[in-house]
PDB file of N, CA and C in Angstrom:
ATOM      1  N   MET A   1      -2.216  11.202  -5.646  1.00  0.00           N
ATOM      2  CA  MET A   1      -1.830  10.306  -6.669  1.00  0.00           C
ATOM      3  C   MET A   1      -0.311   9.694  -6.060  1.00  0.00           C
ATOM      4  N   ILE A   2       0.433   9.472  -7.000  1.00  0.00           N
ATOM      5  CA  ILE A   2       2.219   9.395  -6.363  1.00  0.00           C
ATOM      6  C   ILE A   2       3.013  10.286  -7.260  1.00  0.00           C
ATOM      7  N   SER A   3       4.147  10.754  -6.795  1.00  0.00           N
ATOM      8  CA  SER A   3       4.717  11.472  -7.458  1.00  0.00           C
ATOM      9  C   SER A   3       5.880  10.940  -8.187  1.00  0.00           C
ATOM     10  N   THR A   4       6.644  11.176  -9.512  1.00  0.00           N
ATOM     11  CA  THR A   4       7.642  10.679 -10.049  1.00  0.00           C
ATOM     12  C   THR A   4       8.427  10.703  -9.094  1.00  0.00           C
ATOM     13  N   ASP A   5       8.897  11.973  -7.999  1.00  0.00           N
ATOM     14  CA  ASP A   5      10.580  11.775  -7.080  1.00  0.00           C
ATOM     15  C   ASP A   5       9.436  10.399  -5.873  1.00  0.00           C
ATOM     16  N   GLN A   6       8.733   9.857  -6.136  1.00  0.00           N
ATOM     17  CA  GLN A   6       7.705   8.615  -4.959  1.00  0.00           C
ATOM     18  C   GLN A   6       8.085   8.201  -5.901  1.00  0.00           C
ATOM     19  N   TRP A   7       7.244   7.759  -6.644  1.00  0.00           N
ATOM     20  CA  TRP A   7       8.057   6.475  -7.912  1.00  0.00           C
ATOM     21  C   TRP A   7       9.540   5.516  -7.747  1.00  0.00           C
ATOM     22  N   SER A   8      10.235   6.872  -8.080  1.00  0.00           N
ATOM     23  CA  SER A   8      11.841   6.417  -8.022  1.00  0.00           C
ATOM     24  C   SER A   8      12.133   6.261  -6.502  1.00  0.00           C
ATOM     25  N   THR A   9      11.253   6.909  -5.714  1.00  0.00           N
ATOM     26  CA  THR A   9      12.030   5.319  -3.731  1.00  0.00           C
ATOM     27  C   THR A   9      11.250   4.188  -3.848  1.00  0.00           C
ATOM     28  N   ILE A  10      10.040   4.319  -4.437  1.00  0.00           N
ATOM     29  CA  ILE A  10       9.008   3.145  -4.921  1.00  0.00           C
ATOM     30  C   ILE A  10      10.688   2.243  -5.870  1.00  0.00           C
ATOM     31  N   GLN A  11      10.416   2.218  -6.660  1.00  0.00           N
ATOM     32  CA  GLN A  11      11.426   1.394  -7.310  1.00  0.00           C
ATOM     33  C   GLN A  11      13.262   1.128  -7.125  1.00  0.00           C
ATOM     34  N   ARG A  12      13.650   2.129  -6.055  1.00  0.00           N
ATOM     35  CA  ARG A  12      14.994   1.380  -5.437  1.00  0.00           C
ATOM     36  C   ARG A  12      14.338   0.591  -4.296  1.00  0.00           C
ATOM     37  N   LEU A  13      12.879   1.077  -3.566  1.00  0.00           N
ATOM     38  CA  LEU A  13      12.996   0.299  -2.847  1.00  0.00           C
ATOM     39  C   LEU A  13      12.531  -1.009  -3.438  1.00  0.00           C
ATOM     40  N   VAL A  14      11.494  -1.496  -4.973  1.00  0.00           N
ATOM     41  CA  VAL A  14      11.978  -2.913  -5.495  1.00  0.00           C
ATOM     42  C   VAL A  14      13.543  -3.258  -5.407  1.00  0.00           C
ATOM     43  N   GLY A  15      14.408  -2.383  -6.160  1.00  0.00           N
ATOM     44  CA  GLY A  15      15.068  -2.825  -5.928  1.00  0.00           C
ATOM     45  C   GLY A  15      16.756  -3.173  -4.652  1.00  0.00           C
ATOM     46  N   TRP A  16      15.640  -3.027  -4.280  1.00  0.00           N
ATOM     47  CA  TRP A  16      16.783  -3.146  -2.682  1.00  0.00           C
ATOM     48  C   TRP A  16      16.206  -4.821  -2.823  1.00  0.00           C
ATOM     49  N   LEU A  17      14.378  -5.269  -2.151  1.00  0.00           N
ATOM     50  CA  LEU A  17      14.406  -6.354  -2.064  1.00  0.00           C
ATOM     51  C   LEU A  17      14.546  -7.728  -3.389  1.00  0.00           C
ATOM     52  N   ASP A  18      14.368  -6.909  -4.640  1.00  0.00           N
ATOM     53  CA  ASP A  18      15.377  -7.921  -4.669  1.00  0.00           C
ATOM     54  C   ASP A  18      16.197  -7.975  -4.901  1.00  0.00           C
ATOM     55  N   ALA A  19      17.123  -7.201  -4.376  1.00  0.00           N
ATOM     56  CA  ALA A  19      18.794  -7.623  -4.794  1.00  0.00           C
ATOM     57  C   ALA A  19      19.459  -8.543  -3.063  1.00  0.00           C
ATOM     58  N   GLN A  20      17.926  -8.114  -2.125  1.00  0.00           N
ATOM     59  CA  GLN A  20      17.679  -9.127  -0.857  1.00  0.00           C
ATOM     60  C   GLN A  20      17.256 -10.816  -1.055  1.00  0.00           C
ATOM     61  N   ASN A  21      16.309 -10.654  -1.803  1.00  0.00           N
ATOM     62  CA  ASN A  21      14.853 -11.696  -1.819  1.00  0.00           C
ATOM     63  C   ASN A  21      15.191 -12.422  -3.748  1.00  0.00           C
ATOM     64  N   GLY A  22      15.319 -11.183  -4.357  1.00  0.00           N
ATOM     65  CA  GLY A  22      15.023 -11.681  -5.305  1.00  0.00           C
ATOM     66  C   GLY A  22      13.432 -11.533  -6.204  1.00  0.00           C
ATOM     67  N   ARG A  23      13.187 -11.677  -7.295  1.00  0.00           N
ATOM     68  CA  ARG A  23      12.368 -11.564  -7.901  1.00  0.00           C
ATOM     69  C   ARG A  23      11.607 -12.620  -8.674  1.00  0.00           C
ATOM     70  N   ASP A  24      11.275 -13.952  -7.594  1.00  0.00           N
ATOM     71  CA  ASP A  24       9.966 -14.780  -8.452  1.00  0.00           C
ATOM     72  C   ASP A  24       9.051 -14.846  -7.842  1.00  0.00           C
ATOM     73  N   ASP A  25       8.573 -15.338  -8.878  1.00  0.00           N
ATOM     74  CA  ASP A  25       7.357 -16.237  -8.685  1.00  0.00           C
ATOM     75  C   ASP A  25       6.084 -15.592  -6.937  1.00  0.00           C
ATOM     76  N   ARG A  26       7.663 -17.131  -5.861  1.00  0.00           N
ATOM     77  CA  ARG A  26       6.963 -16.610  -4.658  1.00  0.00           C
ATOM     78  C   ARG A  26       7.218 -15.714  -3.767  1.00  0.00           C
ATOM     79  N   GLU A  27       8.848 -14.684  -4.229  1.00  0.00           N
ATOM     80  CA  GLU A  27       8.307 -13.856  -4.240  1.00  0.00           C
ATOM     81  C   GLU A  27       7.589 -12.547  -4.022  1.00  0.00           C
ATOM     82  N   VAL A  28       7.107 -12.299  -5.878  1.00  0.00           N
ATOM     83  CA  VAL A  28       6.382 -11.933  -5.682  1.00  0.00           C
ATOM     84  C   VAL A  28       5.336 -11.485  -4.786  1.00  0.00           C
ATOM     85  N   SER A  29       4.305 -13.351  -5.130  1.00  0.00           N
ATOM     86  CA  SER A  29       3.710 -14.308  -4.182  1.00  0.00           C
ATOM     87  C   SER A  29       3.784 -13.358  -2.619  1.00  0.00           C
ATOM     88  N   LEU A  30       4.563 -13.114  -2.349  1.00  0.00           N
ATOM     89  CA  LEU A  30       5.215 -12.744  -0.191  1.00  0.00           C
ATOM     90  C   LEU A  30       4.766 -11.152  -0.375  1.00  0.00           C
ATOM     91  N   ARG A  31       5.013 -10.086  -1.304  1.00  0.00           N
ATOM     92  CA  ARG A  31       4.631  -9.465  -1.341  1.00  0.00           C
ATOM     93  C   ARG A  31       3.508  -9.047  -1.767  1.00  0.00           C
ATOM     94  N   ILE A  32       2.981  -9.084  -2.936  1.00  0.00           N
ATOM     95  CA  ILE A  32       1.290  -8.877  -2.326  1.00  0.00           C
ATOM     96  C   ILE A  32       1.111  -9.995  -0.957  1.00  0.00           C
ATOM     97  N   LEU A  33       1.071 -10.547  -0.936  1.00  0.00           N
ATOM     98  CA  LEU A  33      -0.356 -11.470   0.263  1.00  0.00           C
ATOM     99  C   LEU A  33       0.777 -10.508   1.934  1.00  0.00           C
ATOM    100  N   LYS A  34       1.446  -9.879   1.278  1.00  0.00           N
ATOM    101  CA  LYS A  34       2.073  -8.167   2.595  1.00  0.00           C
ATOM    102  C   LYS A  34       1.049  -7.806   2.795  1.00  0.00           C
ATOM    103  N   LEU A  35       0.254  -7.412   1.513  1.00  0.00           N
ATOM    104  CA  LEU A  35      -0.443  -6.406   1.661  1.00  0.00           C
ATOM    105  C   LEU A  35      -1.527  -6.367   2.621  1.00  0.00           C
ATOM    106  N   GLY A  36      -1.510  -8.101   2.312  1.00  0.00           N
ATOM    107  CA  GLY A  36      -2.733  -8.647   3.549  1.00  0.00           C
ATOM    108  C   GLY A  36      -2.781  -8.199   5.447  1.00  0.00           C
ATOM    109  N   GLU A  37      -1.187  -8.660   5.258  1.00  0.00           N
ATOM    110  CA  GLU A  37      -1.413  -8.174   6.824  1.00  0.00           C
ATOM    111  C   GLU A  37      -0.832  -6.612   7.126  1.00  0.00           C
ATOM    112  N   GLU A  38      -0.465  -5.854   6.341  1.00  0.00           N
ATOM    113  CA  GLU A  38      -0.496  -4.070   6.441  1.00  0.00           C
ATOM    114  C   GLU A  38      -2.271  -3.795   6.956  1.00  0.00           C
ATOM    115  N   VAL A  39      -3.028  -4.796   5.946  1.00  0.00           N
ATOM    116  CA  VAL A  39      -4.270  -4.109   5.949  1.00  0.00           C
ATOM    117  C   VAL A  39      -5.673  -4.586   7.165  1.00  0.00           C
ATOM    118  N   GLY A  40      -5.185  -6.049   7.270  1.00  0.00           N
ATOM    119  CA  GLY A  40      -4.897  -6.081   9.380  1.00  0.00           C
ATOM    120  C   GLY A  40      -4.075  -4.682   9.786  1.00  0.00           C
ATOM    121  N   GLU A  41      -3.295  -4.274  10.117  1.00  0.00           N
ATOM    122  CA  GLU A  41      -2.521  -3.247  11.153  1.00  0.00           C
ATOM    123  C   GLU A  41      -3.417  -2.268  11.075  1.00  0.00           C
ATOM    124  N   VAL A  42      -4.240  -1.559   9.627  1.00  0.00           N
ATOM    125  CA  VAL A  42      -5.098  -0.538   9.569  1.00  0.00           C
ATOM    126  C   VAL A  42      -6.078  -0.737  10.655  1.00  0.00           C
ATOM    127  N   ALA A  43      -7.284  -2.255  10.078  1.00  0.00           N
ATOM    128  CA  ALA A  43      -8.213  -2.863  11.436  1.00  0.00           C
ATOM    129  C   ALA A  43      -8.030  -2.040  12.579  1.00  0.00           C
ATOM    130  N   GLN A  44      -6.842  -2.686  12.923  1.00  0.00           N
ATOM    131  CA  GLN A  44      -6.878  -2.699  14.157  1.00  0.00           C
ATOM    132  C   GLN A  44      -6.229  -1.608  14.644  1.00  0.00           C
ATOM    133  N   ALA A  45      -5.467  -0.968  14.384  1.00  0.00           N
ATOM    134  CA  ALA A  45      -5.336   0.197  14.978  1.00  0.00           C
ATOM    135  C   ALA A  45      -6.706   0.833  14.330  1.00  0.00           C
ATOM    136  N   TRP A  46      -7.460   1.341  13.991  1.00  0.00           N
ATOM    137  CA  TRP A  46      -8.995   1.687  13.673  1.00  0.00           C
ATOM    138  C   TRP A  46      -9.575   1.149  14.624  1.00  0.00           C
ATOM    139  N   ILE A  47      -9.551  -0.308  14.592  1.00  0.00           N
ATOM    140  CA  ILE A  47     -10.550  -0.663  16.352  1.00  0.00           C
ATOM    141  C   ILE A  47     -10.153   0.426  17.719  1.00  0.00           C
ATOM    142  N   GLY A  48      -8.383   0.184  17.865  1.00  0.00           N
ATOM    143  CA  GLY A  48      -7.178   1.259  18.484  1.00  0.00           C
ATOM    144  C   GLY A  48      -8.955   2.604  18.348  1.00  0.00           C
ATOM    145  N   VAL A  49      -8.576   3.295  17.970  1.00  0.00           N
ATOM    146  CA  VAL A  49      -8.934   5.163  17.734  1.00  0.00           C
ATOM    147  C   VAL A  49     -10.752   4.060  18.460  1.00  0.00           C
ATOM    148  N   GLN A  50     -10.809   3.542  18.318  1.00  0.00           N
ATOM    149  CA  GLN A  50     -12.845   2.845  18.322  1.00  0.00           C
ATOM    150  C   GLN A  50     -12.714   2.535  19.626  1.00  0.00           C
ATOM    151  N   GLY A  51     -11.806   2.388  20.781  1.00  0.00           N
ATOM    152  CA  GLY A  51     -11.753   1.440  21.869  1.00  0.00           C
ATOM    153  C   GLY A  51     -12.753   0.376  21.380  1.00  0.00           C
ATOM    154  N   GLN A  52     -12.762  -0.395  20.916  1.00  0.00           N
ATOM    155  CA  GLN A  52     -13.526  -1.218  20.523  1.00  0.00           C
ATOM    156  C   GLN A  52     -13.804  -2.506  21.578  1.00  0.00           C
ATOM    157  N   ASN A  53     -12.003  -2.390  22.370  1.00  0.00           N
ATOM    158  CA  ASN A  53     -11.470  -3.544  22.783  1.00  0.00           C
ATOM    159  C   ASN A  53     -12.144  -3.154  24.228  1.00  0.00           C
ATOM    160  N   PRO A  54     -13.178  -3.792  25.001  1.00  0.00           N
ATOM    161  CA  PRO A  54     -13.392  -2.900  26.527  1.00  0.00           C
ATOM    162  C   PRO A  54     -12.511  -3.355  27.036  1.00  0.00           C
ATOM    163  N   ARG A  55     -11.509  -4.137  26.873  1.00  0.00           N
ATOM    164  CA  ARG A  55      -9.875  -4.653  28.060  1.00  0.00           C
ATOM    165  C   ARG A  55      -8.932  -4.077  27.741  1.00  0.00           C
ATOM    166  N   LYS A  56      -8.476  -3.352  26.509  1.00  0.00           N
ATOM    167  CA  LYS A  56      -7.986  -2.287  25.878  1.00  0.00           C
ATOM    168  C   LYS A  56      -8.214  -1.321  25.976  1.00  0.00           C
ATOM    169  N   GLY A  57      -9.062  -0.710  25.687  1.00  0.00           N
ATOM    170  CA  GLY A  57      -9.703   0.701  25.757  1.00  0.00           C
ATOM    171  C   GLY A  57      -9.417   1.068  23.965  1.00  0.00           C
ATOM    172  N   VAL A  58      -8.817   2.347  24.180  1.00  0.00           N
ATOM    173  CA  VAL A  58      -8.227   3.226  23.275  1.00  0.00           C
ATOM    174  C   VAL A  58      -6.461   3.197  23.689  1.00  0.00           C
ATOM    175  N   THR A  59      -6.671   2.172  22.310  1.00  0.00           N
ATOM    176  CA  THR A  59      -4.858   1.891  22.162  1.00  0.00           C
ATOM    177  C   THR A  59      -3.872   2.832  20.674  1.00  0.00           C
ATOM    178  N   HIS A  60      -4.623   3.275  20.200  1.00  0.00           N
ATOM    179  CA  HIS A  60      -3.894   4.485  18.777  1.00  0.00           C
ATOM    180  C   HIS A  60      -5.071   5.884  18.838  1.00  0.00           C
ATOM    181  N   THR A  61      -4.303   6.093  17.758  1.00  0.00           N
ATOM    182  CA  THR A  61      -4.665   7.918  17.469  1.00  0.00           C
ATOM    183  C   THR A  61      -5.054   7.800  16.287  1.00  0.00           C
ATOM    184  N   HIS A  62      -5.510   9.055  15.513  1.00  0.00           N
ATOM    185  CA  HIS A  62      -5.850   9.245  13.984  1.00  0.00           C
ATOM    186  C   HIS A  62      -4.119   8.795  13.205  1.00  0.00           C
ATOM    187  N   VAL A  63      -3.296   9.218  14.039  1.00  0.00           N
ATOM    188  CA  VAL A  63      -2.142   9.230  12.923  1.00  0.00           C
ATOM    189  C   VAL A  63      -1.175   8.111  12.930  1.00  0.00           C
ATOM    190  N   ASP A  64      -1.776   7.622  13.886  1.00  0.00           N
ATOM    191  CA  ASP A  64      -1.314   5.630  13.857  1.00  0.00           C
ATOM    192  C   ASP A  64      -2.404   4.898  12.624  1.00  0.00           C
ATOM    193  N   VAL A  65      -3.058   5.330  12.656  1.00  0.00           N
ATOM    194  CA  VAL A  65      -4.177   5.338  11.196  1.00  0.00           C
ATOM    195  C   VAL A  65      -3.866   5.632   9.432  1.00  0.00           C
ATOM    196  N   GLN A  66      -3.107   6.649  10.132  1.00  0.00           N
ATOM    197  CA  GLN A  66      -2.736   7.047   8.416  1.00  0.00           C
ATOM    198  C   GLN A  66      -1.003   6.381   8.378  1.00  0.00           C
ATOM    199  N   ASP A  67      -0.653   6.332   9.215  1.00  0.00           N
ATOM    200  CA  ASP A  67       0.952   6.069   9.147  1.00  0.00           C
ATOM    201  C   ASP A  67       0.636   4.182   8.481  1.00  0.00           C
ATOM    202  N   GLU A  68      -0.620   3.453   8.921  1.00  0.00           N
ATOM    203  CA  GLU A  68      -0.970   2.479   8.829  1.00  0.00           C
ATOM    204  C   GLU A  68      -1.519   2.301   7.203  1.00  0.00           C
ATOM    205  N   LEU A  69      -2.187   3.312   6.908  1.00  0.00           N
ATOM    206  CA  LEU A  69      -2.696   3.569   5.570  1.00  0.00           C
ATOM    207  C   LEU A  69      -1.503   3.924   4.726  1.00  0.00           C
ATOM    208  N   CYS A  70      -0.246   4.277   5.097  1.00  0.00           N
ATOM    209  CA  CYS A  70       0.297   4.529   3.846  1.00  0.00           C
ATOM    210  C   CYS A  70       1.328   3.372   4.565  1.00  0.00           C
ATOM    211  N   ASP A  71       1.648   2.557   5.130  1.00  0.00           N
ATOM    212  CA  ASP A  71       2.050   1.820   4.173  1.00  0.00           C
ATOM    213  C   ASP A  71       1.665   0.512   3.314  1.00  0.00           C
ATOM    214  N   VAL A  72       0.101   0.383   3.424  1.00  0.00           N
ATOM    215  CA  VAL A  72      -0.842  -0.390   2.566  1.00  0.00           C
ATOM    216  C   VAL A  72      -0.552   0.005   1.227  1.00  0.00           C
ATOM    217  N   ILE A  73      -0.016   1.121   1.192  1.00  0.00           N
ATOM    218  CA  ILE A  73      -0.239   2.401  -0.296  1.00  0.00           C
ATOM    219  C   ILE A  73       0.810   2.071  -0.199  1.00  0.00           C
ATOM    220  N   VAL A  74       2.309   2.145  -0.118  1.00  0.00           N
ATOM    221  CA  VAL A  74       4.179   1.754  -0.163  1.00  0.00           C
ATOM    222  C   VAL A  74       3.914  -0.060  -0.109  1.00  0.00           C
ATOM    223  N   THR A  75       3.052  -0.769  -0.164  1.00  0.00           N
ATOM    224  CA  THR A  75       3.493  -1.287   0.048  1.00  0.00           C
ATOM    225  C   THR A  75       2.583  -2.089  -1.888  1.00  0.00           C
ATOM    226  N   ALA A  76       1.507  -1.704  -1.681  1.00  0.00           N
ATOM    227  CA  ALA A  76       0.526  -1.902  -2.575  1.00  0.00           C
ATOM    228  C   ALA A  76       1.827  -1.332  -3.905  1.00  0.00           C
ATOM    229  N   ALA A  77       2.220  -0.348  -3.874  1.00  0.00           N
ATOM    230  CA  ALA A  77       3.018   0.483  -4.854  1.00  0.00           C
ATOM    231  C   ALA A  77       4.271  -0.244  -5.646  1.00  0.00           C
ATOM    232  N   VAL A  78       5.054  -1.166  -3.643  1.00  0.00           N
ATOM    233  CA  VAL A  78       5.848  -1.568  -4.246  1.00  0.00           C
ATOM    234  C   VAL A  78       5.396  -2.806  -5.074  1.00  0.00           C
ATOM    235  N   ALA A  79       4.057  -3.578  -4.662  1.00  0.00           N
ATOM    236  CA  ALA A  79       3.516  -4.583  -5.666  1.00  0.00           C
ATOM    237  C   ALA A  79       3.798  -4.665  -6.550  1.00  0.00           C
ATOM    238  N   LEU A  80       2.739  -3.052  -7.461  1.00  0.00           N
ATOM    239  CA  LEU A  80       2.962  -2.720  -8.334  1.00  0.00           C
ATOM    240  C   LEU A  80       3.456  -2.840  -9.682  1.00  0.00           C
ATOM    241  N   ALA A  81       4.622  -1.997  -8.879  1.00  0.00           N
ATOM    242  CA  ALA A  81       5.577  -2.078  -9.110  1.00  0.00           C
ATOM    243  C   ALA A  81       6.639  -3.136  -9.351  1.00  0.00           C
ATOM    244  N   SER A  82       6.658  -4.125  -8.579  1.00  0.00           N
ATOM    245  CA  SER A  82       7.159  -5.476  -8.355  1.00  0.00           C
ATOM    246  C   SER A  82       6.655  -6.655 -10.172  1.00  0.00           C
ATOM    247  N   ILE A  83       5.946  -6.271 -10.373  1.00  0.00           N
ATOM    248  CA  ILE A  83       4.985  -7.107 -11.349  1.00  0.00           C
ATOM    249  C   ILE A  83       4.539  -6.142 -13.008  1.00  0.00           C
ATOM    250  N   THR A  84       5.693  -4.898 -13.072  1.00  0.00           N
ATOM    251  CA  THR A  84       4.474  -3.925 -14.504  1.00  0.00           C
ATOM    252  C   THR A  84       6.394  -3.088 -14.012  1.00  0.00           C
ATOM    253  N   GLY A  85       6.300  -3.352 -14.991  1.00  0.00           N
ATOM    254  CA  GLY A  85       7.621  -1.952 -15.774  1.00  0.00           C
ATOM    255  C   GLY A  85       7.276  -0.383 -15.820  1.00  0.00           C
ATOM    256  N   ASN A  86       5.802  -0.349 -15.770  1.00  0.00           N
ATOM    257  CA  ASN A  86       5.561   1.021 -16.141  1.00  0.00           C
ATOM    258  C   ASN A  86       4.517   1.484 -14.796  1.00  0.00           C
ATOM    259  N   PRO A  87       4.386   0.711 -13.655  1.00  0.00           N
ATOM    260  CA  PRO A  87       3.961   1.353 -12.382  1.00  0.00           C
ATOM    261  C   PRO A  87       3.446   2.778 -12.432  1.00  0.00           C
ATOM    262  N   ASP A  88       3.496   3.196 -12.134  1.00  0.00           N
ATOM    263  CA  ASP A  88       3.257   4.599 -12.923  1.00  0.00           C
ATOM    264  C   ASP A  88       1.799   5.035 -13.879  1.00  0.00           C
ATOM    265  N   TYR A  89       1.440   4.268 -15.490  1.00  0.00           N
ATOM    266  CA  TYR A  89       0.938   4.063 -15.837  1.00  0.00           C
ATOM    267  C   TYR A  89       0.054   3.683 -15.453  1.00  0.00           C
ATOM    268  N   VAL A  90      -0.093   2.141 -15.212  1.00  0.00           N
ATOM    269  CA  VAL A  90      -1.002   1.531 -14.510  1.00  0.00           C
ATOM    270  C   VAL A  90      -2.302   2.054 -13.712  1.00  0.00           C
ATOM    271  N   LEU A  91      -1.735   2.421 -12.749  1.00  0.00           N
ATOM    272  CA  LEU A  91      -2.292   3.576 -11.749  1.00  0.00           C
ATOM    273  C   LEU A  91      -3.222   4.333 -11.833  1.00  0.00           C
ATOM    274  N   ASP A  92      -2.141   5.221 -12.919  1.00  0.00           N
ATOM    275  CA  ASP A  92      -2.777   6.470 -13.588  1.00  0.00           C
ATOM    276  C   ASP A  92      -3.936   5.866 -14.281  1.00  0.00           C
ATOM    277  N   GLN A  93      -4.520   4.518 -15.294  1.00  0.00           N
ATOM    278  CA  GLN A  93      -4.476   4.315 -16.111  1.00  0.00           C
ATOM    279  C   GLN A  93      -6.345   4.114 -14.588  1.00  0.00           C
ATOM    280  N   LYS A  94      -6.135   3.216 -13.955  1.00  0.00           N
ATOM    281  CA  LYS A  94      -6.866   3.041 -13.073  1.00  0.00           C
ATOM    282  C   LYS A  94      -7.594   3.841 -12.680  1.00  0.00           C
ATOM    283  N   ILE A  95      -7.053   4.953 -12.314  1.00  0.00           N
ATOM    284  CA  ILE A  95      -7.608   6.287 -11.214  1.00  0.00           C
ATOM    285  C   ILE A  95      -8.109   6.654 -13.084  1.00  0.00           C
ATOM    286  N   SER A  96      -7.643   7.222 -13.998  1.00  0.00           N
ATOM    287  CA  SER A  96      -8.847   7.547 -14.418  1.00  0.00           C
ATOM    288  C   SER A  96     -10.160   6.551 -14.867  1.00  0.00           C
ATOM    289  N   LYS A  97     -10.923   5.458 -14.747  1.00  0.00           N
ATOM    290  CA  LYS A  97     -11.290   4.343 -15.258  1.00  0.00           C
ATOM    291  C   LYS A  97     -12.491   4.852 -13.564  1.00  0.00           C
ATOM    292  N   THR A  98     -11.888   4.205 -12.580  1.00  0.00           N
ATOM    293  CA  THR A  98     -12.613   4.474 -12.041  1.00  0.00           C
ATOM    294  C   THR A  98     -13.240   6.072 -10.965  1.00  0.00           C
ATOM    295  N   ALA A  99     -12.464   6.712 -12.260  1.00  0.00           N
ATOM    296  CA  ALA A  99     -12.727   8.454 -11.862  1.00  0.00           C
ATOM    297  C   ALA A  99     -14.203   8.509 -12.268  1.00  0.00           C
ATOM    298  N   ALA A 100     -14.470   7.895 -13.723  1.00  0.00           N
ATOM    299  CA  ALA A 100     -15.046   8.079 -15.089  1.00  0.00           C
ATOM    300  C   ALA A 100     -16.320   7.532 -15.226  1.00  0.00           C
ATOM    301  N   ARG A 101     -15.667   6.434 -13.652  1.00  0.00           N
ATOM    302  CA  ARG A 101     -16.945   4.972 -13.540  1.00  0.00           C
ATOM    303  C   ARG A 101     -18.098   6.075 -12.109  1.00  0.00           C
ATOM    304  N   SER A 102     -17.477   6.699 -10.917  1.00  0.00           N
ATOM    305  CA  SER A 102     -18.250   7.574 -10.507  1.00  0.00           C
ATOM    306  C   SER A 102     -18.114   8.982 -11.463  1.00  0.00           C
ATOM    307  N   GLY A 103     -17.709   9.442 -11.508  1.00  0.00           N
ATOM    308  CA  GLY A 103     -18.666  10.238 -12.334  1.00  0.00           C
ATOM    309  C   GLY A 103     -17.483  11.624 -12.245  1.00  0.00           C
ATOM    310  N   VAL A 104     -16.006  11.050 -11.374  1.00  0.00           N
ATOM    311  CA  VAL A 104     -16.080  12.426 -11.524  1.00  0.00           C
ATOM    312  C   VAL A 104     -14.778  12.365 -12.144  1.00  0.00           C
ATOM    313  N   THR A 105     -14.463  13.552 -12.684  1.00  0.00           N
ATOM    314  CA  THR A 105     -13.001  14.665 -13.882  1.00  0.00           C
ATOM    315  C   THR A 105     -11.936  14.105 -12.946  1.00  0.00           C
ATOM    316  N   ALA A 106     -11.341  12.901 -13.892  1.00  0.00           N
ATOM    317  CA  ALA A 106     -10.023  12.274 -12.920  1.00  0.00           C
ATOM    318  C   ALA A 106      -9.212  14.233 -13.663  1.00  0.00           C
TER     319      ALA A 106
END
């Protein structure tokens, strides 16, 4: 779960992006599309860990994958905070629903 301090940092990142780019529908769309780019980087890093490309061999480490996964989380949190005033509540509700569906106690 994202802590209160982390949400504060996410909100500052949103504010910084807003100051640089505004927050119209185009900008929010680009923040959401940025997730696809970040997910692609996770896939690239995991392929690199596995050495799946015979021409390149092993090119990444688990630490690289962890870093890219964190980029996905931060990017998603920024996008979420860009479209709702209470992203922590929205995320908490989603986690609770997902846990309940799987039988895991939230």
